C-alpha atoms as a PDB file:
ATOM      1  CA  MET A   1     -15.490   9.417   1.237  1.00  0.00           C
ATOM      2  CA  GLY A   2     -16.884   6.213   0.032  1.00  0.00           C
ATOM      3  CA  CYS A   3     -19.114   3.329   2.858  1.00  0.00           C
ATOM      4  CA  GLY A   4     -18.712   0.430   0.792  1.00  0.00           C
ATOM      5  CA  ARG A   5     -17.113  -2.523   2.730  1.00  0.00           C
ATOM      6  CA  VAL A   6     -13.703  -1.438   2.065  1.00  0.00           C
ATOM      7  CA  GLY A   7     -14.552   2.485   3.737  1.00  0.00           C
ATOM      8  CA  SER A   8     -16.701   0.944   6.307  1.00  0.00           C
ATOM      9  CA  LEU A   9     -14.008  -0.975   7.693  1.00  0.00           C
ATOM     10  CA  ILE A  10     -11.481   1.793   7.583  1.00  0.00           C
ATOM     11  CA  ALA A  11     -13.882   4.078   9.521  1.00  0.00           C
ATOM     12  CA  HIS A  12     -14.052   1.192  12.157  1.00  0.00           C
ATOM     13  CA  GLU A  13     -10.322   0.537  12.067  1.00  0.00           C
ATOM     14  CA  LEU A  14     -10.083   4.069  12.489  1.00  0.00           C
ATOM     15  CA  GLU A  15     -12.378   4.137  15.689  1.00  0.00           C
ATOM     16  CA  ARG A  16     -10.563   1.290  17.394  1.00  0.00           C
ATOM     17  CA  LEU A  17      -7.609   3.645  17.348  1.00  0.00           C
ATOM     18  CA  GLU A  18      -9.648   6.278  19.192  1.00  0.00           C
ATOM     19  CA  HIS A  19      -9.835   8.876  15.649  1.00  0.00           C
ATOM     20  CA  SER A  20     -12.927  11.058  15.415  1.00  0.00           C
ATOM     21  CA  VAL A  21     -14.260   9.730  12.039  1.00  0.00           C
ATOM     22  CA  ALA A  22     -16.754  11.303   9.632  1.00  0.00           C
ATOM     23  CA  VAL A  23     -17.898   8.947   6.308  1.00  0.00           C
ATOM     24  CA  ILE A  24     -19.754  10.153   3.131  1.00  0.00           C
ATOM     25  CA  ASP A  25     -21.218   8.085   0.685  1.00  0.00           C
ATOM     26  CA  GLN A  26     -24.353   9.253  -1.883  1.00  0.00           C
ATOM     27  CA  SER A  27     -26.744   6.328  -0.703  1.00  0.00           C
ATOM     28  CA  GLU A  28     -27.671   5.982   2.900  1.00  0.00           C
ATOM     29  CA  THR A  29     -28.070   2.886   2.945  1.00  0.00           C
ATOM     30  CA  ALA A  30     -24.426   2.697   2.626  1.00  0.00           C
ATOM     31  CA  PHE A  31     -24.431   3.515   6.129  1.00  0.00           C
ATOM     32  CA  ARG A  32     -25.585   0.633   7.422  1.00  0.00           C
ATOM     33  CA  ARG A  33     -22.005  -1.228   6.796  1.00  0.00           C
ATOM     34  CA  LEU A  34     -21.333   0.369   9.588  1.00  0.00           C
ATOM     35  CA  GLY A  35     -23.326  -0.887  12.191  1.00  0.00           C
ATOM     36  CA  ALA A  36     -24.897   0.152  15.571  1.00  0.00           C
ATOM     37  CA  ASP A  37     -21.891   0.695  17.242  1.00  0.00           C
ATOM     38  CA  PHE A  38     -20.370   3.149  15.243  1.00  0.00           C
ATOM     39  CA  ARG A  39     -19.973   6.207  17.002  1.00  0.00           C
ATOM     40  CA  GLY A  40     -18.731   9.229  14.544  1.00  0.00           C
ATOM     41  CA  ARG A  41     -20.746  11.133  11.967  1.00  0.00           C
ATOM     42  CA  THR A  42     -22.248  10.008   8.618  1.00  0.00           C
ATOM     43  CA  VAL A  43     -23.081  12.672   5.505  1.00  0.00           C
ATOM     44  CA  ALA A  44     -25.187  11.486   2.591  1.00  0.00           C
ATOM     45  CA  GLY A  45     -23.731  13.440  -0.523  1.00  0.00           C
ATOM     46  CA  ILE A  46     -21.256  13.580  -3.715  1.00  0.00           C
ATOM     47  CA  GLY A  47     -18.085  13.572  -1.977  1.00  0.00           C
ATOM     48  CA  PHE A  48     -16.204  16.074  -3.754  1.00  0.00           C
ATOM     49  CA  ASP A  49     -19.030  18.843  -3.468  1.00  0.00           C
ATOM     50  CA  ARG A  50     -17.205  21.347  -0.776  1.00  0.00           C
ATOM     51  CA  GLU A  51     -20.145  21.949   0.785  1.00  0.00           C
ATOM     52  CA  VAL A  52     -20.659  18.104   1.902  1.00  0.00           C
ATOM     53  CA  LEU A  53     -16.632  18.426   3.000  1.00  0.00           C
ATOM     54  CA  ARG A  54     -17.923  20.673   5.196  1.00  0.00           C
ATOM     55  CA  ALA A  55     -20.585  19.297   6.823  1.00  0.00           C
ATOM     56  CA  ALA A  56     -18.589  15.896   7.142  1.00  0.00           C
ATOM     57  CA  GLY A  57     -16.024  18.440   8.771  1.00  0.00           C
ATOM     58  CA  ILE A  58     -13.574  18.846   6.569  1.00  0.00           C
ATOM     59  CA  GLU A  59     -11.903  22.010   7.909  1.00  0.00           C
ATOM     60  CA  ASP A  60     -10.524  20.421  10.904  1.00  0.00           C
ATOM     61  CA  ALA A  61      -9.266  16.857   9.211  1.00  0.00           C
ATOM     62  CA  GLU A  62      -6.488  15.580   9.917  1.00  0.00           C
ATOM     63  CA  ALA A  63      -6.660  12.764   7.210  1.00  0.00           C
ATOM     64  CA  PHE A  64      -8.874  11.902   4.522  1.00  0.00           C
ATOM     65  CA  ALA A  65      -9.415   8.932   2.170  1.00  0.00           C
ATOM     66  CA  ALA A  66     -11.093   8.160  -0.781  1.00  0.00           C
ATOM     67  CA  VAL A  67     -12.502   5.154  -0.884  1.00  0.00           C
ATOM     68  CA  SER A  68     -15.760   5.090  -3.520  1.00  0.00           C
ATOM     69  CA  SER A  69     -16.468   3.071  -5.989  1.00  0.00           C
ATOM     70  CA  GLY A  70     -15.444   5.373  -9.039  1.00  0.00           C
ATOM     71  CA  ASP A  71     -11.892   6.542  -9.621  1.00  0.00           C
ATOM     72  CA  ASN A  72     -12.560  10.460 -11.588  1.00  0.00           C
ATOM     73  CA  SER A  73     -14.779  10.377  -8.025  1.00  0.00           C
ATOM     74  CA  ASN A  74     -11.708   9.429  -5.744  1.00  0.00           C
ATOM     75  CA  ILE A  75      -9.244  11.566  -7.318  1.00  0.00           C
ATOM     76  CA  LEU A  76     -11.198  14.586  -7.629  1.00  0.00           C
ATOM     77  CA  ALA A  77     -12.517  14.400  -3.938  1.00  0.00           C
ATOM     78  CA  ALA A  78      -8.803  14.375  -2.730  1.00  0.00           C
ATOM     79  CA  ARG A  79      -7.283  16.885  -5.228  1.00  0.00           C
ATOM     80  CA  VAL A  80     -10.389  19.393  -3.366  1.00  0.00           C
ATOM     81  CA  ALA A  81      -8.983  17.876   0.144  1.00  0.00           C
ATOM     82  CA  ARG A  82      -5.678  18.701  -0.201  1.00  0.00           C
ATOM     83  CA  GLU A  83      -5.648  21.804  -2.604  1.00  0.00           C
ATOM     84  CA  THR A  84      -9.048  23.287  -1.238  1.00  0.00           C
ATOM     85  CA  PHE A  85      -8.889  22.601   2.430  1.00  0.00           C
ATOM     86  CA  GLY A  86      -5.371  21.882   3.138  1.00  0.00           C
ATOM     87  CA  VAL A  87      -5.505  18.380   4.564  1.00  0.00           C
ATOM     88  CA  HIS A  88      -1.858  16.654   4.409  1.00  0.00           C
ATOM     89  CA  ASN A  89      -2.830  12.920   4.621  1.00  0.00           C
ATOM     90  CA  VAL A  90      -4.798  12.279   1.608  1.00  0.00           C
ATOM     91  CA  VAL A  91      -4.679   8.908  -0.660  1.00  0.00           C
ATOM     92  CA  ALA A  92      -7.316   7.732  -3.206  1.00  0.00           C
ATOM     93  CA  ARG A  93      -8.353   4.009  -4.140  1.00  0.00           C
ATOM     94  CA  ILE A  94      -8.098   4.166  -7.682  1.00  0.00           C
ATOM     95  CA  TYR A  95      -8.800   0.828 -10.042  1.00  0.00           C
ATOM     96  CA  ASP A  96      -6.598   1.706 -13.078  1.00  0.00           C
ATOM     97  CA  PRO A  97      -3.235   0.956 -12.556  1.00  0.00           C
ATOM     98  CA  ARG A  98      -1.931   3.511 -15.376  1.00  0.00           C
ATOM     99  CA  ARG A  99      -3.936   6.615 -13.787  1.00  0.00           C
ATOM    100  CA  ALA A 100      -2.297   5.740 -10.438  1.00  0.00           C
ATOM    101  CA  GLU A 101       0.717   6.080 -11.310  1.00  0.00           C
ATOM    102  CA  VAL A 102       0.108   9.170 -13.538  1.00  0.00           C
ATOM    103  CA  TYR A 103      -1.439  10.612 -10.142  1.00  0.00           C
ATOM    104  CA  GLN A 104       1.389   9.440  -7.788  1.00  0.00           C
ATOM    105  CA  ARG A 105       3.804  11.196  -9.839  1.00  0.00           C
ATOM    106  CA  LEU A 106       1.681  14.156  -9.522  1.00  0.00           C
ATOM    107  CA  GLY A 107       2.045  14.111  -5.501  1.00  0.00           C
ATOM    108  CA  ILE A 108      -1.361  12.467  -4.726  1.00  0.00           C
ATOM    109  CA  PRO A 109      -1.048   9.059  -2.768  1.00  0.00           C
ATOM    110  CA  THR A 110      -3.149   6.261  -4.474  1.00  0.00           C
ATOM    111  CA  VAL A 111      -3.532   2.652  -3.959  1.00  0.00           C
ATOM    112  CA  ALA A 112      -4.112   0.961  -7.133  1.00  0.00           C
ATOM    113  CA  THR A 113      -6.094  -1.993  -5.799  1.00  0.00           C
ATOM    114  CA  VAL A 114      -6.583  -4.015  -9.042  1.00  0.00           C
ATOM    115  CA  ARG A 115      -2.967  -4.307  -9.588  1.00  0.00           C
ATOM    116  CA  TRP A 116      -2.047  -5.002  -6.199  1.00  0.00           C
ATOM    117  CA  THR A 117      -4.230  -7.746  -6.230  1.00  0.00           C
ATOM    118  CA  ALA A 118      -3.578  -9.393  -9.370  1.00  0.00           C
ATOM    119  CA  ASP A 119       0.382  -8.838  -8.597  1.00  0.00           C
ATOM    120  CA  GLN A 120      -0.288 -10.636  -5.066  1.00  0.00           C
ATOM    121  CA  MET A 121      -2.492 -13.048  -6.708  1.00  0.00           C
ATOM    122  CA  ILE A 122       0.826 -13.773  -9.385  1.00  0.00           C
ATOM    123  CA  ARG A 123       3.175 -13.770  -6.853  1.00  0.00           C
ATOM    124  CA  ARG A 124       1.787 -16.501  -4.870  1.00  0.00           C
ATOM    125  CA  LEU A 125       1.557 -18.714  -8.295  1.00  0.00           C
ATOM    126  CA  PHE A 126       4.345 -18.248  -9.226  1.00  0.00           C
ATOM    127  CA  PRO A 127       7.351 -17.577  -6.237  1.00  0.00           C
ATOM    128  CA  GLU A 128      10.445 -17.319  -8.751  1.00  0.00           C
ATOM    129  CA  GLY A 129      11.493 -14.044  -9.149  1.00  0.00           C
ATOM    130  CA  VAL A 130      10.870 -10.161  -7.868  1.00  0.00           C
ATOM    131  CA  GLN A 131       7.608  -8.721  -7.552  1.00  0.00           C
ATOM    132  CA  ALA A 132       7.064  -5.084  -6.872  1.00  0.00           C
ATOM    133  CA  LEU A 133       5.204  -4.634  -3.593  1.00  0.00           C
ATOM    134  CA  TRP A 134       5.666  -0.742  -3.571  1.00  0.00           C
ATOM    135  CA  ARG A 135       7.332   1.562  -5.817  1.00  0.00           C
ATOM    136  CA  ASP A 136       8.644   5.473  -5.177  1.00  0.00           C
ATOM    137  CA  PRO A 137       6.758   8.360  -7.347  1.00  0.00           C
ATOM    138  CA  THR A 138       9.606   8.219  -9.723  1.00  0.00           C
ATOM    139  CA  GLY A 139       9.354   5.096 -10.644  1.00  0.00           C
ATOM    140  CA  ALA A 140      13.249   4.282  -9.433  1.00  0.00           C
ATOM    141  CA  ILE A 141      12.953   2.162  -6.650  1.00  0.00           C
ATOM    142  CA  ASP A 142      11.216  -0.705  -5.531  1.00  0.00           C
ATOM    143  CA  LEU A 143      10.073  -2.673  -3.000  1.00  0.00           C
ATOM    144  CA  VAL A 144      10.145  -6.013  -3.532  1.00  0.00           C
ATOM    145  CA  GLU A 145       9.681  -9.728  -2.236  1.00  0.00           C
ATOM    146  CA  VAL A 146      12.362 -11.754  -3.556  1.00  0.00           C
ATOM    147  CA  HIS A 147      13.031 -15.841  -4.326  1.00  0.00           C
ATOM    148  CA  VAL A 148      16.082 -16.727  -2.711  1.00  0.00           C
ATOM    149  CA  ASP A 149      17.380 -20.044  -3.501  1.00  0.00           C
ATOM    150  CA  SER A 150      17.830 -22.345  -0.777  1.00  0.00           C
ATOM    151  CA  GLY A 151      21.228 -22.285  -1.148  1.00  0.00           C
ATOM    152  CA  TRP A 152      21.288 -18.933   0.578  1.00  0.00           C
ATOM    153  CA  TYR A 153      20.005 -20.263   3.489  1.00  0.00           C
ATOM    154  CA  GLY A 154      21.961 -20.121   6.694  1.00  0.00           C
ATOM    155  CA  LEU A 155      24.056 -17.727   4.762  1.00  0.00           C
ATOM    156  CA  THR A 156      24.049 -13.943   6.288  1.00  0.00           C
ATOM    157  CA  VAL A 157      22.113 -10.980   5.125  1.00  0.00           C
ATOM    158  CA  ASP A 158      25.124  -8.856   4.305  1.00  0.00           C
ATOM    159  CA  ASP A 159      26.029 -11.739   2.289  1.00  0.00           C
ATOM    160  CA  LEU A 160      22.969 -11.647   0.150  1.00  0.00           C
ATOM    161  CA  GLU A 161      23.048  -7.491  -0.403  1.00  0.00           C
ATOM    162  CA  ARG A 162      27.265  -7.964  -0.970  1.00  0.00           C
ATOM    163  CA  ALA A 163      26.412 -10.246  -3.618  1.00  0.00           C
ATOM    164  CA  SER A 164      22.841  -8.855  -5.324  1.00  0.00           C
ATOM    165  CA  GLY A 165      23.898  -4.934  -4.864  1.00  0.00           C
ATOM    166  CA  SER A 166      20.070  -4.910  -2.924  1.00  0.00           C
ATOM    167  CA  ARG A 167      19.447  -3.995   0.639  1.00  0.00           C
ATOM    168  CA  VAL A 168      17.499  -6.681   2.859  1.00  0.00           C
ATOM    169  CA  ALA A 169      14.842  -4.089   3.930  1.00  0.00           C
ATOM    170  CA  LEU A 170      12.408  -6.993   6.002  1.00  0.00           C
ATOM    171  CA  LEU A 171      12.147 -10.846   6.641  1.00  0.00           C
ATOM    172  CA  ASN A 172       8.608 -12.431   6.986  1.00  0.00           C
ATOM    173  CA  ARG A 173       9.652 -15.535   9.096  1.00  0.00           C
ATOM    174  CA  ILE A 174       6.868 -17.670   9.994  1.00  0.00           C
ATOM    175  CA  GLY A 175       4.401 -15.213   9.928  1.00  0.00           C
ATOM    176  CA  GLU A 176       6.694 -12.571  11.922  1.00  0.00           C
ATOM    177  CA  GLY A 177       8.211  -9.541   9.851  1.00  0.00           C
ATOM    178  CA  LEU A 178      11.456  -9.374  11.695  1.00  0.00           C
ATOM    179  CA  ILE A 179      13.783  -6.238  10.823  1.00  0.00           C
ATOM    180  CA  PRO A 180      16.897  -7.836  10.152  1.00  0.00           C
ATOM    181  CA  THR A 181      20.384  -6.519  10.996  1.00  0.00           C
ATOM    182  CA  SER A 182      23.516  -7.552   8.505  1.00  0.00           C
ATOM    183  CA  GLU A 183      24.514 -10.304  10.738  1.00  0.00           C
ATOM    184  CA  SER A 184      21.158 -12.033  10.773  1.00  0.00           C
ATOM    185  CA  VAL A 185      21.244 -15.662   9.000  1.00  0.00           C
ATOM    186  CA  LEU A 186      18.535 -16.554   6.757  1.00  0.00           C
ATOM    187  CA  GLN A 187      16.652 -19.869   7.054  1.00  0.00           C
ATOM    188  CA  GLU A 188      14.435 -22.075   5.455  1.00  0.00           C
ATOM    189  CA  GLY A 189      11.021 -20.777   4.555  1.00  0.00           C
ATOM    190  CA  ASP A 190      12.123 -16.863   5.080  1.00  0.00           C
ATOM    191  CA  LEU A 191      10.467 -14.441   2.917  1.00  0.00           C
ATOM    192  CA  VAL A 192      12.669 -11.781   1.553  1.00  0.00           C
ATOM    193  CA  HIS A 193      12.261  -7.793   0.797  1.00  0.00           C
ATOM    194  CA  VAL A 194      14.826  -6.187  -0.391  1.00  0.00           C
ATOM    195  CA  VAL A 195      15.403  -2.616  -1.499  1.00  0.00           C
ATOM    196  CA  MET A 196      16.427  -1.816  -5.228  1.00  0.00           C
ATOM    197  CA  ARG A 197      16.754  -0.076  -7.825  1.00  0.00           C
ATOM    198  CA  GLU A 198      13.780  -0.591 -10.925  1.00  0.00           C
ATOM    199  CA  ASP A 199      16.445  -1.189 -13.839  1.00  0.00           C
ATOM    200  CA  GLU A 200      18.360  -3.866 -11.271  1.00  0.00           C
ATOM    201  CA  ALA A 201      15.857  -6.952 -11.068  1.00  0.00           C
ATOM    202  CA  ASP A 202      16.983  -8.863 -13.795  1.00  0.00           C
ATOM    203  CA  ARG A 203      20.370  -9.173 -12.407  1.00  0.00           C
ATOM    204  CA  VAL A 204      19.362  -9.156  -8.450  1.00  0.00           C
ATOM    205  CA  THR A 205      16.814 -12.264  -9.783  1.00  0.00           C
ATOM    206  CA  ASP A 206      19.505 -14.409 -11.160  1.00  0.00           C
ATOM    207  CA  VAL A 207      21.709 -13.648  -8.226  1.00  0.00           C
ATOM    208  CA  LEU A 208      19.867 -14.418  -5.659  1.00  0.00           C
ATOM    209  CA  GLY A 209      17.262 -17.153  -7.957  1.00  0.00           C
ATOM    210  CA  ARG A 210      20.917 -19.608  -8.073  1.00  0.00           C
ATOM    211  CA  LYS A 211      22.688 -20.871  -5.551  1.00  0.00           C
ATOM    212  CA  PRO A 212      25.350 -18.303  -4.125  1.00  0.00           C
ATOM    213  CA  GLU A 213      28.941 -18.792  -5.573  1.00  0.00           C
ATOM    214  CA  VAL A 214      30.455 -19.028  -2.008  1.00  0.00           C
ATOM    215  CA  ARG A 215      29.655 -19.805   0.800  1.00  0.00           C
END
């Protein structure tokens, strides 16, 4: 639901992955973003209206993405897709980060675009410390990109984990994502992503943001 820049991009990406796609939007002119090569179905109407959803094939759908410009419309449509039509894979784009957390706790997967974008911008402006990339619905566990002091370069992932109590989930090395082993050696320029308890953030920041005590 929603044929803006995000919706049209998702539609084309799903087609590239050889899925059949239906796009709903209140405006007929919005479908122009899909281009002449779009092979899917387009349905003009309100995306949380049951008849509009049926016309788009919701009863046979494996997934539903609500990416219109309105938070209320996206949440309502996502709930109808899940609760009325039993679609298991449902996600809603939410601009208000406070609402996103509430609906996430209620079991409706959300993407809080404003909060995510702001966090990513701040992360690049001030790389020190940690910045959550993902948080589980309970709010207890975070996946974060963490600033690592250069003194850790040349040490292993196991060294880092034992010192910080966090778990290294992945490394980004020269633009390539790597799943490390305990023996993987940190190199200069690595972006380190760790999984940790949210209440451990200050301690992890302190440990990894300074030189290791023992090499």
